[in-house]
């Protein structure tokens, strides 16, 4: 039986781009995959520590800490958008995973507290 090659339609290109965006981090060597997973988990750990320990010690309390965190994360996103064209290098992907883990931890903590 001969396998037919899908035509290069707009939907086919969209499906390939979506799969690459969603599962692109799962490709590559085991060192790359494990480094990306560790960055995600370290970002989550850092997010938990930011909300648990540093939040109460920063002058200005919760609003100042949240503002500083949002400004730093927005700066990282803006810099990545300006400097990286095409496929990002491993360092930028690690930084993205740290950012995603940190944001996830802060949002999860907000849901736990009901705020």
C-alpha atoms as a PDB file:
ATOM      1  CA  UNK A   1       0.000   0.000   0.000  1.00  0.00           C
ATOM      2  CA  UNK A   2       1.371   3.399  -0.969  1.00  0.00           C
ATOM      3  CA  UNK A   3       1.124   6.188   1.578  1.00  0.00           C
ATOM      4  CA  UNK A   4      -0.147   9.413   0.082  1.00  0.00           C
ATOM      5  CA  UNK A   5       1.720  12.598   0.867  1.00  0.00           C
ATOM      6  CA  UNK A   6      -0.640  15.330   2.110  1.00  0.00           C
ATOM      7  CA  UNK A   7      -0.986  18.325  -0.119  1.00  0.00           C
ATOM      8  CA  UNK A   8       0.602  21.553   0.999  1.00  0.00           C
ATOM      9  CA  UNK A   9      -2.590  23.415   1.794  1.00  0.00           C
ATOM     10  CA  UNK A  10      -2.935  26.341   4.172  1.00  0.00           C
ATOM     11  CA  UNK A  11      -4.555  24.075   6.751  1.00  0.00           C
ATOM     12  CA  UNK A  12      -1.735  21.532   6.456  1.00  0.00           C
ATOM     13  CA  UNK A  13       0.886  24.261   6.961  1.00  0.00           C
ATOM     14  CA  UNK A  14      -1.119  25.622   9.907  1.00  0.00           C
ATOM     15  CA  UNK A  15      -1.336  22.152  11.477  1.00  0.00           C
ATOM     16  CA  UNK A  16       2.429  21.622  11.103  1.00  0.00           C
ATOM     17  CA  UNK A  17       3.197  25.041  12.591  1.00  0.00           C
ATOM     18  CA  UNK A  18       0.843  24.395  15.495  1.00  0.00           C
ATOM     19  CA  UNK A  19       2.402  20.990  16.183  1.00  0.00           C
ATOM     20  CA  UNK A  20       5.883  22.510  16.042  1.00  0.00           C
ATOM     21  CA  UNK A  21       4.863  25.260  18.453  1.00  0.00           C
ATOM     22  CA  UNK A  22       3.197  22.892  20.922  1.00  0.00           C
ATOM     23  CA  UNK A  23       5.587  19.957  20.755  1.00  0.00           C
ATOM     24  CA  UNK A  24       8.749  21.630  19.489  1.00  0.00           C
ATOM     25  CA  UNK A  25      10.355  21.474  22.917  1.00  0.00           C
ATOM     26  CA  UNK A  26      10.019  17.710  22.949  1.00  0.00           C
ATOM     27  CA  UNK A  27      12.362  17.297  20.008  1.00  0.00           C
ATOM     28  CA  UNK A  28      16.111  17.121  20.224  1.00  0.00           C
ATOM     29  CA  UNK A  29      18.533  15.321  22.485  1.00  0.00           C
ATOM     30  CA  UNK A  30      17.759  14.132  25.998  1.00  0.00           C
ATOM     31  CA  UNK A  31      20.080  16.815  27.420  1.00  0.00           C
ATOM     32  CA  UNK A  32      18.110  19.552  25.725  1.00  0.00           C
ATOM     33  CA  UNK A  33      14.756  18.121  26.794  1.00  0.00           C
ATOM     34  CA  UNK A  34      15.879  17.610  30.385  1.00  0.00           C
ATOM     35  CA  UNK A  35      17.371  21.129  30.570  1.00  0.00           C
ATOM     36  CA  UNK A  36      14.090  22.601  29.315  1.00  0.00           C
ATOM     37  CA  UNK A  37      12.069  20.566  31.820  1.00  0.00           C
ATOM     38  CA  UNK A  38      14.398  21.563  34.652  1.00  0.00           C
ATOM     39  CA  UNK A  39      14.046  25.223  33.669  1.00  0.00           C
ATOM     40  CA  UNK A  40      10.266  24.897  33.781  1.00  0.00           C
ATOM     41  CA  UNK A  41      10.382  23.277  37.222  1.00  0.00           C
ATOM     42  CA  UNK A  42      12.927  25.784  38.543  1.00  0.00           C
ATOM     43  CA  UNK A  43      10.691  28.605  37.340  1.00  0.00           C
ATOM     44  CA  UNK A  44       7.789  27.037  39.211  1.00  0.00           C
ATOM     45  CA  UNK A  45       9.957  26.693  42.323  1.00  0.00           C
ATOM     46  CA  UNK A  46      11.103  30.307  42.042  1.00  0.00           C
ATOM     47  CA  UNK A  47       7.502  31.439  41.612  1.00  0.00           C
ATOM     48  CA  UNK A  48       6.497  29.638  44.778  1.00  0.00           C
ATOM     49  CA  UNK A  49       9.366  31.225  46.677  1.00  0.00           C
ATOM     50  CA  UNK A  50       8.592  34.694  45.339  1.00  0.00           C
ATOM     51  CA  UNK A  51       5.017  34.487  46.522  1.00  0.00           C
ATOM     52  CA  UNK A  52       5.824  32.834  49.844  1.00  0.00           C
ATOM     53  CA  UNK A  53       8.949  34.580  51.131  1.00  0.00           C
ATOM     54  CA  UNK A  54       9.862  37.696  49.202  1.00  0.00           C
ATOM     55  CA  UNK A  55       6.335  39.034  48.951  1.00  0.00           C
ATOM     56  CA  UNK A  56       6.148  40.004  52.604  1.00  0.00           C
ATOM     57  CA  UNK A  57       9.699  41.333  52.853  1.00  0.00           C
ATOM     58  CA  UNK A  58       9.610  43.765  49.964  1.00  0.00           C
ATOM     59  CA  UNK A  59       8.851  47.388  50.802  1.00  0.00           C
ATOM     60  CA  UNK A  60       5.414  48.182  49.485  1.00  0.00           C
ATOM     61  CA  UNK A  61       4.156  44.633  50.017  1.00  0.00           C
ATOM     62  CA  UNK A  62       2.111  42.696  47.505  1.00  0.00           C
ATOM     63  CA  UNK A  63       1.449  45.437  44.911  1.00  0.00           C
ATOM     64  CA  UNK A  64       5.124  46.371  44.606  1.00  0.00           C
ATOM     65  CA  UNK A  65       6.226  42.739  44.271  1.00  0.00           C
ATOM     66  CA  UNK A  66       3.601  41.951  41.650  1.00  0.00           C
ATOM     67  CA  UNK A  67       4.490  45.110  39.709  1.00  0.00           C
ATOM     68  CA  UNK A  68       8.205  44.279  39.786  1.00  0.00           C
ATOM     69  CA  UNK A  69       7.554  40.692  38.662  1.00  0.00           C
ATOM     70  CA  UNK A  70       5.278  41.779  35.818  1.00  0.00           C
ATOM     71  CA  UNK A  71       7.768  44.412  34.638  1.00  0.00           C
ATOM     72  CA  UNK A  72      10.659  41.947  34.626  1.00  0.00           C
ATOM     73  CA  UNK A  73       8.656  39.315  32.752  1.00  0.00           C
ATOM     74  CA  UNK A  74       7.395  41.869  30.237  1.00  0.00           C
ATOM     75  CA  UNK A  75      10.954  43.064  29.669  1.00  0.00           C
ATOM     76  CA  UNK A  76      12.072  39.478  28.981  1.00  0.00           C
ATOM     77  CA  UNK A  77       9.255  38.975  26.476  1.00  0.00           C
ATOM     78  CA  UNK A  78       9.991  42.268  24.696  1.00  0.00           C
ATOM     79  CA  UNK A  79      13.728  41.580  24.490  1.00  0.00           C
ATOM     80  CA  UNK A  80      13.131  38.105  23.111  1.00  0.00           C
ATOM     81  CA  UNK A  81      10.788  39.488  20.476  1.00  0.00           C
ATOM     82  CA  UNK A  82      13.372  42.016  19.301  1.00  0.00           C
ATOM     83  CA  UNK A  83      16.494  39.861  19.395  1.00  0.00           C
ATOM     84  CA  UNK A  84      15.287  36.449  18.273  1.00  0.00           C
ATOM     85  CA  UNK A  85      14.149  35.891  14.722  1.00  0.00           C
ATOM     86  CA  UNK A  86      13.219  32.409  13.579  1.00  0.00           C
ATOM     87  CA  UNK A  87      13.924  29.487  15.875  1.00  0.00           C
ATOM     88  CA  UNK A  88      15.234  30.538  19.299  1.00  0.00           C
ATOM     89  CA  UNK A  89      18.449  29.217  20.774  1.00  0.00           C
ATOM     90  CA  UNK A  90      18.528  26.985  23.818  1.00  0.00           C
ATOM     91  CA  UNK A  91      19.272  29.869  26.193  1.00  0.00           C
ATOM     92  CA  UNK A  92      16.155  31.757  25.104  1.00  0.00           C
ATOM     93  CA  UNK A  93      14.028  28.621  25.408  1.00  0.00           C
ATOM     94  CA  UNK A  94      15.389  28.049  28.922  1.00  0.00           C
ATOM     95  CA  UNK A  95      14.527  31.631  29.824  1.00  0.00           C
ATOM     96  CA  UNK A  96      11.037  31.177  28.373  1.00  0.00           C
ATOM     97  CA  UNK A  97      10.506  28.028  30.417  1.00  0.00           C
ATOM     98  CA  UNK A  98      11.671  29.788  33.576  1.00  0.00           C
ATOM     99  CA  UNK A  99       9.199  32.571  32.832  1.00  0.00           C
ATOM    100  CA  UNK A 100       6.338  30.177  32.121  1.00  0.00           C
ATOM    101  CA  UNK A 101       6.980  28.235  35.329  1.00  0.00           C
ATOM    102  CA  UNK A 102       7.154  31.422  37.395  1.00  0.00           C
ATOM    103  CA  UNK A 103       3.913  32.807  35.959  1.00  0.00           C
ATOM    104  CA  UNK A 104       2.159  29.468  36.461  1.00  0.00           C
ATOM    105  CA  UNK A 105       3.232  29.329  40.111  1.00  0.00           C
ATOM    106  CA  UNK A 106       2.089  32.895  40.823  1.00  0.00           C
ATOM    107  CA  UNK A 107      -1.289  32.324  39.158  1.00  0.00           C
ATOM    108  CA  UNK A 108      -1.754  29.008  40.943  1.00  0.00           C
ATOM    109  CA  UNK A 109      -0.981  30.671  44.270  1.00  0.00           C
ATOM    110  CA  UNK A 110      -3.500  33.417  43.499  1.00  0.00           C
ATOM    111  CA  UNK A 111      -6.171  30.815  42.833  1.00  0.00           C
ATOM    112  CA  UNK A 112      -5.317  29.012  46.062  1.00  0.00           C
ATOM    113  CA  UNK A 113      -5.675  32.243  48.025  1.00  0.00           C
ATOM    114  CA  UNK A 114      -8.801  33.242  46.167  1.00  0.00           C
ATOM    115  CA  UNK A 115      -7.449  36.648  45.148  1.00  0.00           C
END
